[in-house]
Amino acid sequence: MSWSEISRRGLLAAALAVLAGCGFAPVYGPAGEAAALRGAVLATEPDTDIAFAFVRQIEERLGLPATPRYDLEYALVTDEVALAIDGSNNITRFNIEGRLDWTLSPVGTDAPVLSGRETSFTAYSATGSTISTLESERDAQRRLAVILANAVVARLLAEAPRLDP
């Protein structure tokens, strides 16, 4: 073992000891705050490709809702904006801007315990064939859905201690 490898391991051990001393616990660990959300969040049924990608990412991060305790309602709006125009006045690049308004409510109630708005964007190139441009657009929408879903999950995990067990 080299000196730098020993130093890195020592530094990592020291960092973990400091974090453990301040009450740090992994969010997905056995005593982590996310355990209460695992398989407990049921997102509204998707009706578009981008909403489907959003729900799939939520379920991937939080698990399939076997016994849902919370309903996640959302409204996802996208807008496509031209970014680059070539010398022939052809648009060669687009931004897809997304806004997601969401609420988390206990199943069977309309009283939200958490809500928020997430925004982000992705881009795609329109310089290829029609088919490749359409697939680039779909891919950008899927990436946007994943970004927005990860933002919602991050907020849910951060607020998990406030939720009723």
N, C-alpha and C. Protein backbone atom coordinates (compact mmCIF):
# COMPACT_ATOMS: atom_id res chain seq x y z
N MET A 1 0.84 -1.18 0.00
CA MET A 1 0.00 0.00 0.00
C MET A 1 0.89 1.24 0.00
N SER A 2 0.56 2.17 -0.87
CA SER A 2 1.34 3.39 -0.96
C SER A 2 0.92 4.37 0.14
N TRP A 3 1.77 5.35 0.37
CA TRP A 3 1.49 6.35 1.39
C TRP A 3 0.22 7.14 1.05
N SER A 4 0.04 7.47 -0.22
CA SER A 4 -1.14 8.25 -0.61
C SER A 4 -2.43 7.44 -0.40
N GLU A 5 -2.37 6.11 -0.61
CA GLU A 5 -3.55 5.28 -0.39
C GLU A 5 -3.87 5.20 1.11
N ILE A 6 -2.85 5.11 1.94
CA ILE A 6 -3.05 5.10 3.39
C ILE A 6 -3.63 6.43 3.85
N SER A 7 -3.11 7.53 3.28
CA SER A 7 -3.60 8.86 3.65
C SER A 7 -5.07 9.03 3.26
N ARG A 8 -5.43 8.56 2.07
CA ARG A 8 -6.82 8.66 1.63
C ARG A 8 -7.75 7.85 2.53
N ARG A 9 -7.33 6.66 2.88
CA ARG A 9 -8.17 5.83 3.76
C ARG A 9 -8.30 6.45 5.14
N GLY A 10 -7.22 7.01 5.63
CA GLY A 10 -7.27 7.67 6.94
C GLY A 10 -8.17 8.89 6.92
N LEU A 11 -8.09 9.65 5.84
CA LEU A 11 -8.92 10.84 5.69
C LEU A 11 -10.39 10.43 5.60
N LEU A 12 -10.67 9.38 4.86
CA LEU A 12 -12.05 8.90 4.73
C LEU A 12 -12.57 8.41 6.08
N ALA A 13 -11.77 7.68 6.82
CA ALA A 13 -12.19 7.19 8.13
C ALA A 13 -12.44 8.36 9.09
N ALA A 14 -11.60 9.37 9.04
CA ALA A 14 -11.78 10.54 9.90
C ALA A 14 -13.05 11.29 9.53
N ALA A 15 -13.31 11.43 8.23
CA ALA A 15 -14.52 12.13 7.79
C ALA A 15 -15.76 11.37 8.23
N LEU A 16 -15.75 10.06 8.11
CA LEU A 16 -16.90 9.26 8.55
C LEU A 16 -17.09 9.35 10.06
N ALA A 17 -16.02 9.39 10.80
CA ALA A 17 -16.14 9.52 12.25
C ALA A 17 -16.74 10.87 12.64
N VAL A 18 -16.32 11.92 11.96
CA VAL A 18 -16.86 13.25 12.23
C VAL A 18 -18.35 13.29 11.89
N LEU A 19 -18.70 12.74 10.73
CA LEU A 19 -20.12 12.73 10.33
C LEU A 19 -20.96 11.90 11.29
N ALA A 20 -20.45 10.78 11.74
CA ALA A 20 -21.20 9.94 12.68
C ALA A 20 -21.38 10.67 14.01
N GLY A 21 -20.40 11.45 14.39
CA GLY A 21 -20.49 12.20 15.64
C GLY A 21 -21.51 13.31 15.61
N CYS A 22 -21.84 13.81 14.43
CA CYS A 22 -22.81 14.90 14.34
C CYS A 22 -24.22 14.39 14.05
N GLY A 23 -24.42 13.09 14.12
CA GLY A 23 -25.75 12.53 13.92
C GLY A 23 -26.06 12.19 12.49
N PHE A 24 -25.07 12.16 11.63
CA PHE A 24 -25.27 11.81 10.23
C PHE A 24 -25.69 10.35 10.12
N ALA A 25 -26.72 10.10 9.33
CA ALA A 25 -27.13 8.73 9.02
C ALA A 25 -27.52 8.70 7.55
N PRO A 26 -27.09 7.67 6.83
CA PRO A 26 -27.46 7.58 5.42
C PRO A 26 -28.97 7.57 5.25
N VAL A 27 -29.47 8.35 4.31
CA VAL A 27 -30.92 8.49 4.14
C VAL A 27 -31.56 7.17 3.74
N TYR A 28 -30.84 6.32 3.00
CA TYR A 28 -31.38 5.03 2.60
C TYR A 28 -30.96 3.90 3.52
N GLY A 29 -30.24 4.19 4.61
CA GLY A 29 -29.80 3.17 5.56
C GLY A 29 -30.97 2.61 6.36
N PRO A 30 -30.70 1.59 7.18
CA PRO A 30 -31.76 0.96 7.97
C PRO A 30 -32.51 1.94 8.88
N ALA A 31 -31.80 2.90 9.42
CA ALA A 31 -32.45 3.88 10.30
C ALA A 31 -32.62 5.22 9.59
N GLY A 32 -32.47 5.21 8.27
CA GLY A 32 -32.56 6.45 7.50
C GLY A 32 -33.98 6.96 7.37
N GLU A 33 -34.09 8.23 7.11
CA GLU A 33 -35.39 8.89 7.01
C GLU A 33 -36.19 8.45 5.79
N ALA A 34 -35.52 7.95 4.76
CA ALA A 34 -36.22 7.58 3.54
C ALA A 34 -36.96 6.26 3.66
N ALA A 35 -36.69 5.50 4.70
CA ALA A 35 -37.35 4.20 4.86
C ALA A 35 -38.87 4.35 4.89
N ALA A 36 -39.37 5.43 5.47
CA ALA A 36 -40.82 5.64 5.55
C ALA A 36 -41.43 5.96 4.19
N LEU A 37 -40.63 6.42 3.25
CA LEU A 37 -41.14 6.77 1.93
C LEU A 37 -41.02 5.61 0.94
N ARG A 38 -40.23 4.60 1.29
CA ARG A 38 -40.00 3.48 0.36
C ARG A 38 -41.33 2.76 0.06
N GLY A 39 -41.75 2.78 -1.18
CA GLY A 39 -42.97 2.12 -1.59
C GLY A 39 -44.24 2.75 -1.05
N ALA A 40 -44.16 4.00 -0.62
CA ALA A 40 -45.30 4.66 0.01
C ALA A 40 -45.87 5.83 -0.78
N VAL A 41 -45.27 6.14 -1.94
CA VAL A 41 -45.71 7.31 -2.71
C VAL A 41 -46.29 6.84 -4.04
N LEU A 42 -47.55 7.17 -4.26
CA LEU A 42 -48.24 6.82 -5.50
C LEU A 42 -48.44 8.08 -6.33
N ALA A 43 -47.74 8.15 -7.46
CA ALA A 43 -47.85 9.31 -8.35
C ALA A 43 -49.10 9.16 -9.21
N THR A 44 -49.68 10.30 -9.58
CA THR A 44 -50.83 10.31 -10.47
C THR A 44 -50.46 9.58 -11.75
N GLU A 45 -51.41 8.82 -12.28
CA GLU A 45 -51.16 8.04 -13.49
C GLU A 45 -50.77 8.95 -14.64
N PRO A 46 -49.68 8.61 -15.33
CA PRO A 46 -49.21 9.48 -16.42
C PRO A 46 -50.10 9.37 -17.66
N ASP A 47 -50.16 10.47 -18.42
CA ASP A 47 -50.95 10.46 -19.65
C ASP A 47 -50.16 10.94 -20.87
N THR A 48 -48.87 11.23 -20.67
CA THR A 48 -47.99 11.61 -21.78
C THR A 48 -46.67 10.87 -21.62
N ASP A 49 -45.87 10.88 -22.66
CA ASP A 49 -44.57 10.22 -22.59
C ASP A 49 -43.67 10.83 -21.52
N ILE A 50 -43.66 12.15 -21.43
CA ILE A 50 -42.80 12.81 -20.45
C ILE A 50 -43.30 12.54 -19.03
N ALA A 51 -44.61 12.50 -18.84
CA ALA A 51 -45.16 12.17 -17.52
C ALA A 51 -44.85 10.73 -17.16
N PHE A 52 -44.89 9.85 -18.14
CA PHE A 52 -44.54 8.45 -17.90
C PHE A 52 -43.08 8.34 -17.43
N ALA A 53 -42.18 9.06 -18.09
CA ALA A 53 -40.77 9.05 -17.68
C ALA A 53 -40.60 9.62 -16.28
N PHE A 54 -41.38 10.65 -15.95
CA PHE A 54 -41.34 11.24 -14.61
C PHE A 54 -41.76 10.22 -13.55
N VAL A 55 -42.90 9.57 -13.77
CA VAL A 55 -43.41 8.59 -12.80
C VAL A 55 -42.46 7.40 -12.68
N ARG A 56 -41.91 6.96 -13.80
CA ARG A 56 -40.97 5.84 -13.77
C ARG A 56 -39.76 6.19 -12.89
N GLN A 57 -39.25 7.41 -13.00
CA GLN A 57 -38.10 7.81 -12.19
C GLN A 57 -38.47 7.92 -10.71
N ILE A 58 -39.65 8.43 -10.41
CA ILE A 58 -40.10 8.49 -9.02
C ILE A 58 -40.15 7.08 -8.44
N GLU A 59 -40.74 6.14 -9.20
CA GLU A 59 -40.85 4.76 -8.72
C GLU A 59 -39.49 4.09 -8.61
N GLU A 60 -38.58 4.43 -9.50
CA GLU A 60 -37.24 3.86 -9.42
C GLU A 60 -36.51 4.34 -8.17
N ARG A 61 -36.69 5.60 -7.83
CA ARG A 61 -36.00 6.16 -6.67
C ARG A 61 -36.67 5.77 -5.35
N LEU A 62 -38.02 5.71 -5.32
CA LEU A 62 -38.73 5.47 -4.07
C LEU A 62 -39.36 4.09 -3.98
N GLY A 63 -39.31 3.33 -5.05
CA GLY A 63 -39.89 1.99 -5.07
C GLY A 63 -41.32 2.01 -5.55
N LEU A 64 -41.77 0.86 -6.03
CA LEU A 64 -43.15 0.73 -6.47
C LEU A 64 -44.08 0.85 -5.28
N PRO A 65 -45.17 1.54 -5.41
CA PRO A 65 -46.08 1.76 -4.27
C PRO A 65 -46.93 0.52 -3.96
N ALA A 66 -46.40 -0.35 -3.09
CA ALA A 66 -47.13 -1.56 -2.69
C ALA A 66 -48.31 -1.19 -1.79
N THR A 67 -48.03 -0.43 -0.77
CA THR A 67 -49.08 0.07 0.14
C THR A 67 -48.91 1.58 0.26
N PRO A 68 -49.44 2.31 -0.73
CA PRO A 68 -49.21 3.76 -0.74
C PRO A 68 -49.84 4.46 0.46
N ARG A 69 -49.06 5.36 1.04
CA ARG A 69 -49.54 6.21 2.13
C ARG A 69 -49.73 7.64 1.66
N TYR A 70 -49.08 7.97 0.54
CA TYR A 70 -49.13 9.34 0.02
C TYR A 70 -49.48 9.34 -1.46
N ASP A 71 -50.27 10.34 -1.86
CA ASP A 71 -50.55 10.59 -3.27
C ASP A 71 -49.67 11.76 -3.71
N LEU A 72 -48.99 11.57 -4.83
CA LEU A 72 -48.18 12.64 -5.43
C LEU A 72 -48.91 13.11 -6.67
N GLU A 73 -49.48 14.30 -6.61
CA GLU A 73 -50.14 14.89 -7.77
C GLU A 73 -49.20 15.92 -8.37
N TYR A 74 -49.20 15.99 -9.69
CA TYR A 74 -48.27 16.89 -10.36
C TYR A 74 -48.90 17.45 -11.63
N ALA A 75 -48.40 18.59 -12.03
CA ALA A 75 -48.76 19.21 -13.31
C ALA A 75 -47.44 19.59 -13.99
N LEU A 76 -47.18 18.96 -15.10
CA LEU A 76 -45.92 19.14 -15.81
C LEU A 76 -46.18 19.90 -17.11
N VAL A 77 -45.53 21.05 -17.25
CA VAL A 77 -45.69 21.90 -18.43
C VAL A 77 -44.32 22.10 -19.06
N THR A 78 -44.26 21.92 -20.37
CA THR A 78 -43.00 22.15 -21.08
C THR A 78 -43.19 23.21 -22.16
N ASP A 79 -42.09 23.85 -22.50
CA ASP A 79 -42.10 24.85 -23.55
C ASP A 79 -40.82 24.67 -24.37
N GLU A 80 -40.96 24.67 -25.67
CA GLU A 80 -39.80 24.49 -26.54
C GLU A 80 -39.37 25.86 -27.07
N VAL A 81 -38.09 26.16 -26.93
CA VAL A 81 -37.55 27.47 -27.33
C VAL A 81 -36.41 27.26 -28.32
N ALA A 82 -36.46 27.95 -29.44
CA ALA A 82 -35.39 27.88 -30.43
C ALA A 82 -34.14 28.57 -29.89
N LEU A 83 -33.00 27.89 -30.06
CA LEU A 83 -31.74 28.45 -29.55
C LEU A 83 -30.80 28.93 -30.64
N ALA A 84 -30.67 28.14 -31.69
CA ALA A 84 -29.68 28.47 -32.71
C ALA A 84 -30.33 28.43 -34.10
N ILE A 85 -29.97 29.40 -34.90
CA ILE A 85 -30.49 29.48 -36.26
C ILE A 85 -29.28 29.61 -37.20
N ASP A 86 -29.26 28.78 -38.24
CA ASP A 86 -28.13 28.83 -39.16
C ASP A 86 -28.35 29.92 -40.23
N GLY A 87 -27.44 30.02 -41.17
CA GLY A 87 -27.50 31.07 -42.20
C GLY A 87 -28.70 30.95 -43.12
N SER A 88 -29.30 29.77 -43.18
CA SER A 88 -30.48 29.57 -44.04
C SER A 88 -31.78 29.72 -43.27
N ASN A 89 -31.71 30.26 -42.07
CA ASN A 89 -32.87 30.45 -41.20
C ASN A 89 -33.49 29.14 -40.70
N ASN A 90 -32.69 28.08 -40.63
CA ASN A 90 -33.15 26.82 -40.07
C ASN A 90 -32.78 26.77 -38.59
N ILE A 91 -33.71 26.34 -37.76
CA ILE A 91 -33.42 26.20 -36.33
C ILE A 91 -32.63 24.91 -36.14
N THR A 92 -31.48 25.02 -35.49
CA THR A 92 -30.60 23.85 -35.34
C THR A 92 -30.50 23.34 -33.91
N ARG A 93 -31.03 24.07 -32.96
CA ARG A 93 -30.95 23.64 -31.56
C ARG A 93 -32.15 24.19 -30.81
N PHE A 94 -32.71 23.36 -29.92
CA PHE A 94 -33.87 23.74 -29.13
C PHE A 94 -33.60 23.48 -27.65
N ASN A 95 -34.17 24.32 -26.82
CA ASN A 95 -34.25 24.09 -25.38
C ASN A 95 -35.66 23.59 -25.08
N ILE A 96 -35.78 22.63 -24.18
CA ILE A 96 -37.08 22.26 -23.64
C ILE A 96 -37.07 22.68 -22.19
N GLU A 97 -37.87 23.68 -21.87
CA GLU A 97 -37.96 24.17 -20.50
C GLU A 97 -39.15 23.51 -19.83
N GLY A 98 -38.95 23.05 -18.61
CA GLY A 98 -40.02 22.36 -17.91
C GLY A 98 -40.32 22.98 -16.56
N ARG A 99 -41.60 22.99 -16.21
CA ARG A 99 -42.04 23.44 -14.89
C ARG A 99 -42.97 22.38 -14.33
N LEU A 100 -42.70 21.97 -13.11
CA LEU A 100 -43.48 20.93 -12.46
C LEU A 100 -44.00 21.46 -11.13
N ASP A 101 -45.32 21.56 -11.00
CA ASP A 101 -45.95 21.89 -9.73
C ASP A 101 -46.45 20.59 -9.13
N TRP A 102 -46.14 20.33 -7.85
CA TRP A 102 -46.51 19.06 -7.25
C TRP A 102 -47.00 19.23 -5.82
N THR A 103 -47.82 18.28 -5.39
CA THR A 103 -48.28 18.23 -4.00
C THR A 103 -48.23 16.78 -3.52
N LEU A 104 -47.91 16.61 -2.28
CA LEU A 104 -47.89 15.30 -1.63
C LEU A 104 -48.93 15.33 -0.52
N SER A 105 -49.91 14.42 -0.61
CA SER A 105 -51.01 14.38 0.36
C SER A 105 -51.16 12.95 0.88
N PRO A 106 -51.58 12.79 2.14
CA PRO A 106 -51.90 11.44 2.61
C PRO A 106 -53.03 10.87 1.75
N VAL A 107 -52.98 9.58 1.50
CA VAL A 107 -53.99 8.91 0.68
C VAL A 107 -55.37 9.17 1.28
N GLY A 108 -56.30 9.55 0.42
CA GLY A 108 -57.67 9.77 0.84
C GLY A 108 -57.98 11.17 1.34
N THR A 109 -56.99 12.05 1.34
CA THR A 109 -57.24 13.43 1.78
C THR A 109 -56.83 14.40 0.67
N ASP A 110 -57.30 15.62 0.78
CA ASP A 110 -56.90 16.66 -0.16
C ASP A 110 -55.99 17.70 0.50
N ALA A 111 -55.57 17.41 1.73
CA ALA A 111 -54.73 18.35 2.47
C ALA A 111 -53.26 18.02 2.24
N PRO A 112 -52.56 18.79 1.42
CA PRO A 112 -51.15 18.49 1.15
C PRO A 112 -50.28 18.69 2.39
N VAL A 113 -49.32 17.78 2.54
CA VAL A 113 -48.33 17.93 3.61
C VAL A 113 -47.05 18.57 3.06
N LEU A 114 -46.84 18.45 1.75
CA LEU A 114 -45.71 19.09 1.09
C LEU A 114 -46.15 19.52 -0.31
N SER A 115 -45.54 20.56 -0.80
CA SER A 115 -45.79 20.97 -2.18
C SER A 115 -44.57 21.74 -2.67
N GLY A 116 -44.49 21.87 -3.96
CA GLY A 116 -43.36 22.61 -4.49
C GLY A 116 -43.46 22.83 -5.98
N ARG A 117 -42.49 23.55 -6.49
CA ARG A 117 -42.36 23.81 -7.92
C ARG A 117 -40.90 23.56 -8.28
N GLU A 118 -40.72 22.75 -9.30
CA GLU A 118 -39.38 22.46 -9.79
C GLU A 118 -39.30 22.95 -11.23
N THR A 119 -38.17 23.50 -11.60
CA THR A 119 -37.96 23.95 -12.97
C THR A 119 -36.59 23.49 -13.44
N SER A 120 -36.49 23.20 -14.71
CA SER A 120 -35.21 22.85 -15.31
C SER A 120 -35.35 22.91 -16.82
N PHE A 121 -34.29 22.55 -17.52
CA PHE A 121 -34.34 22.54 -18.98
C PHE A 121 -33.33 21.53 -19.50
N THR A 122 -33.56 21.09 -20.71
CA THR A 122 -32.61 20.29 -21.47
C THR A 122 -32.61 20.84 -22.90
N ALA A 123 -31.68 20.36 -23.70
CA ALA A 123 -31.59 20.84 -25.08
C ALA A 123 -31.35 19.65 -26.00
N TYR A 124 -31.65 19.88 -27.28
CA TYR A 124 -31.35 18.86 -28.28
C TYR A 124 -31.04 19.55 -29.61
N SER A 125 -30.34 18.79 -30.45
CA SER A 125 -29.94 19.30 -31.75
C SER A 125 -30.94 18.86 -32.81
N ALA A 126 -31.19 19.74 -33.76
CA ALA A 126 -32.11 19.45 -34.85
C ALA A 126 -31.39 19.45 -36.18
N THR A 127 -30.16 18.97 -36.19
CA THR A 127 -29.37 19.04 -37.42
C THR A 127 -29.39 17.74 -38.22
N GLY A 128 -29.93 16.68 -37.68
CA GLY A 128 -29.94 15.41 -38.40
C GLY A 128 -31.20 15.23 -39.23
N SER A 129 -31.49 13.97 -39.49
CA SER A 129 -32.70 13.64 -40.25
C SER A 129 -33.93 13.90 -39.38
N THR A 130 -35.10 13.81 -40.00
CA THR A 130 -36.34 14.01 -39.26
C THR A 130 -36.47 13.01 -38.13
N ILE A 131 -36.15 11.75 -38.41
CA ILE A 131 -36.26 10.70 -37.39
C ILE A 131 -35.28 10.93 -36.26
N SER A 132 -34.05 11.28 -36.58
CA SER A 132 -33.06 11.50 -35.52
C SER A 132 -33.41 12.74 -34.70
N THR A 133 -33.97 13.76 -35.34
CA THR A 133 -34.39 14.96 -34.60
C THR A 133 -35.54 14.63 -33.65
N LEU A 134 -36.51 13.84 -34.11
CA LEU A 134 -37.62 13.44 -33.25
C LEU A 134 -37.13 12.61 -32.07
N GLU A 135 -36.20 11.70 -32.31
CA GLU A 135 -35.67 10.89 -31.21
C GLU A 135 -34.85 11.75 -30.26
N SER A 136 -34.12 12.73 -30.78
CA SER A 136 -33.37 13.65 -29.91
C SER A 136 -34.32 14.45 -29.03
N GLU A 137 -35.45 14.86 -29.59
CA GLU A 137 -36.45 15.59 -28.81
C GLU A 137 -37.03 14.70 -27.71
N ARG A 138 -37.38 13.46 -28.05
CA ARG A 138 -37.91 12.52 -27.04
C ARG A 138 -36.90 12.27 -25.94
N ASP A 139 -35.63 12.11 -26.34
CA ASP A 139 -34.58 11.88 -25.35
C ASP A 139 -34.44 13.08 -24.43
N ALA A 140 -34.50 14.28 -24.97
CA ALA A 140 -34.41 15.49 -24.15
C ALA A 140 -35.59 15.57 -23.18
N GLN A 141 -36.78 15.19 -23.64
CA GLN A 141 -37.95 15.17 -22.74
C GLN A 141 -37.76 14.16 -21.61
N ARG A 142 -37.25 12.98 -21.94
CA ARG A 142 -37.00 11.97 -20.90
C ARG A 142 -35.97 12.46 -19.89
N ARG A 143 -34.91 13.09 -20.38
CA ARG A 143 -33.89 13.63 -19.47
C ARG A 143 -34.47 14.70 -18.58
N LEU A 144 -35.32 15.56 -19.14
CA LEU A 144 -35.98 16.59 -18.34
C LEU A 144 -36.86 15.97 -17.26
N ALA A 145 -37.61 14.93 -17.62
CA ALA A 145 -38.47 14.25 -16.65
C ALA A 145 -37.64 13.66 -15.51
N VAL A 146 -36.50 13.08 -15.81
CA VAL A 146 -35.63 12.51 -14.78
C VAL A 146 -35.09 13.60 -13.88
N ILE A 147 -34.67 14.71 -14.45
CA ILE A 147 -34.16 15.84 -13.66
C ILE A 147 -35.23 16.33 -12.69
N LEU A 148 -36.44 16.52 -13.19
CA LEU A 148 -37.53 17.03 -12.35
C LEU A 148 -37.92 16.01 -11.28
N ALA A 149 -37.96 14.74 -11.63
CA ALA A 149 -38.29 13.70 -10.64
C ALA A 149 -37.23 13.63 -9.56
N ASN A 150 -35.98 13.72 -9.93
CA ASN A 150 -34.90 13.69 -8.93
C ASN A 150 -34.98 14.89 -8.00
N ALA A 151 -35.39 16.04 -8.52
CA ALA A 151 -35.56 17.23 -7.67
C ALA A 151 -36.69 17.01 -6.67
N VAL A 152 -37.79 16.41 -7.12
CA VAL A 152 -38.91 16.13 -6.21
C VAL A 152 -38.48 15.13 -5.14
N VAL A 153 -37.80 14.07 -5.54
CA VAL A 153 -37.35 13.07 -4.57
C VAL A 153 -36.39 13.68 -3.56
N ALA A 154 -35.49 14.52 -4.03
CA ALA A 154 -34.55 15.17 -3.11
C ALA A 154 -35.30 15.99 -2.06
N ARG A 155 -36.33 16.69 -2.50
CA ARG A 155 -37.14 17.48 -1.56
C ARG A 155 -37.90 16.59 -0.59
N LEU A 156 -38.47 15.47 -1.10
CA LEU A 156 -39.18 14.54 -0.23
C LEU A 156 -38.25 13.94 0.81
N LEU A 157 -37.05 13.57 0.40
CA LEU A 157 -36.09 12.99 1.34
C LEU A 157 -35.66 14.00 2.39
N ALA A 158 -35.48 15.24 1.96
CA ALA A 158 -35.07 16.29 2.90
C ALA A 158 -36.18 16.57 3.93
N GLU A 159 -37.43 16.47 3.49
CA GLU A 159 -38.56 16.77 4.36
C GLU A 159 -39.14 15.53 5.05
N ALA A 160 -38.58 14.35 4.79
CA ALA A 160 -39.11 13.10 5.35
C ALA A 160 -39.30 13.13 6.87
N PRO A 161 -38.41 13.74 7.65
CA PRO A 161 -38.63 13.76 9.10
C PRO A 161 -39.90 14.49 9.52
N ARG A 162 -40.38 15.41 8.69
CA ARG A 162 -41.61 16.16 9.02
C ARG A 162 -42.88 15.38 8.73
N LEU A 163 -42.76 14.35 7.90
CA LEU A 163 -43.94 13.58 7.51
C LEU A 163 -44.37 12.66 8.65
N ASP A 164 -45.67 12.40 8.73
CA ASP A 164 -46.18 11.49 9.76
C ASP A 164 -45.72 10.08 9.48
N PRO A 165 -45.31 9.34 10.50
CA PRO A 165 -44.87 7.96 10.28
C PRO A 165 -46.02 7.04 9.94
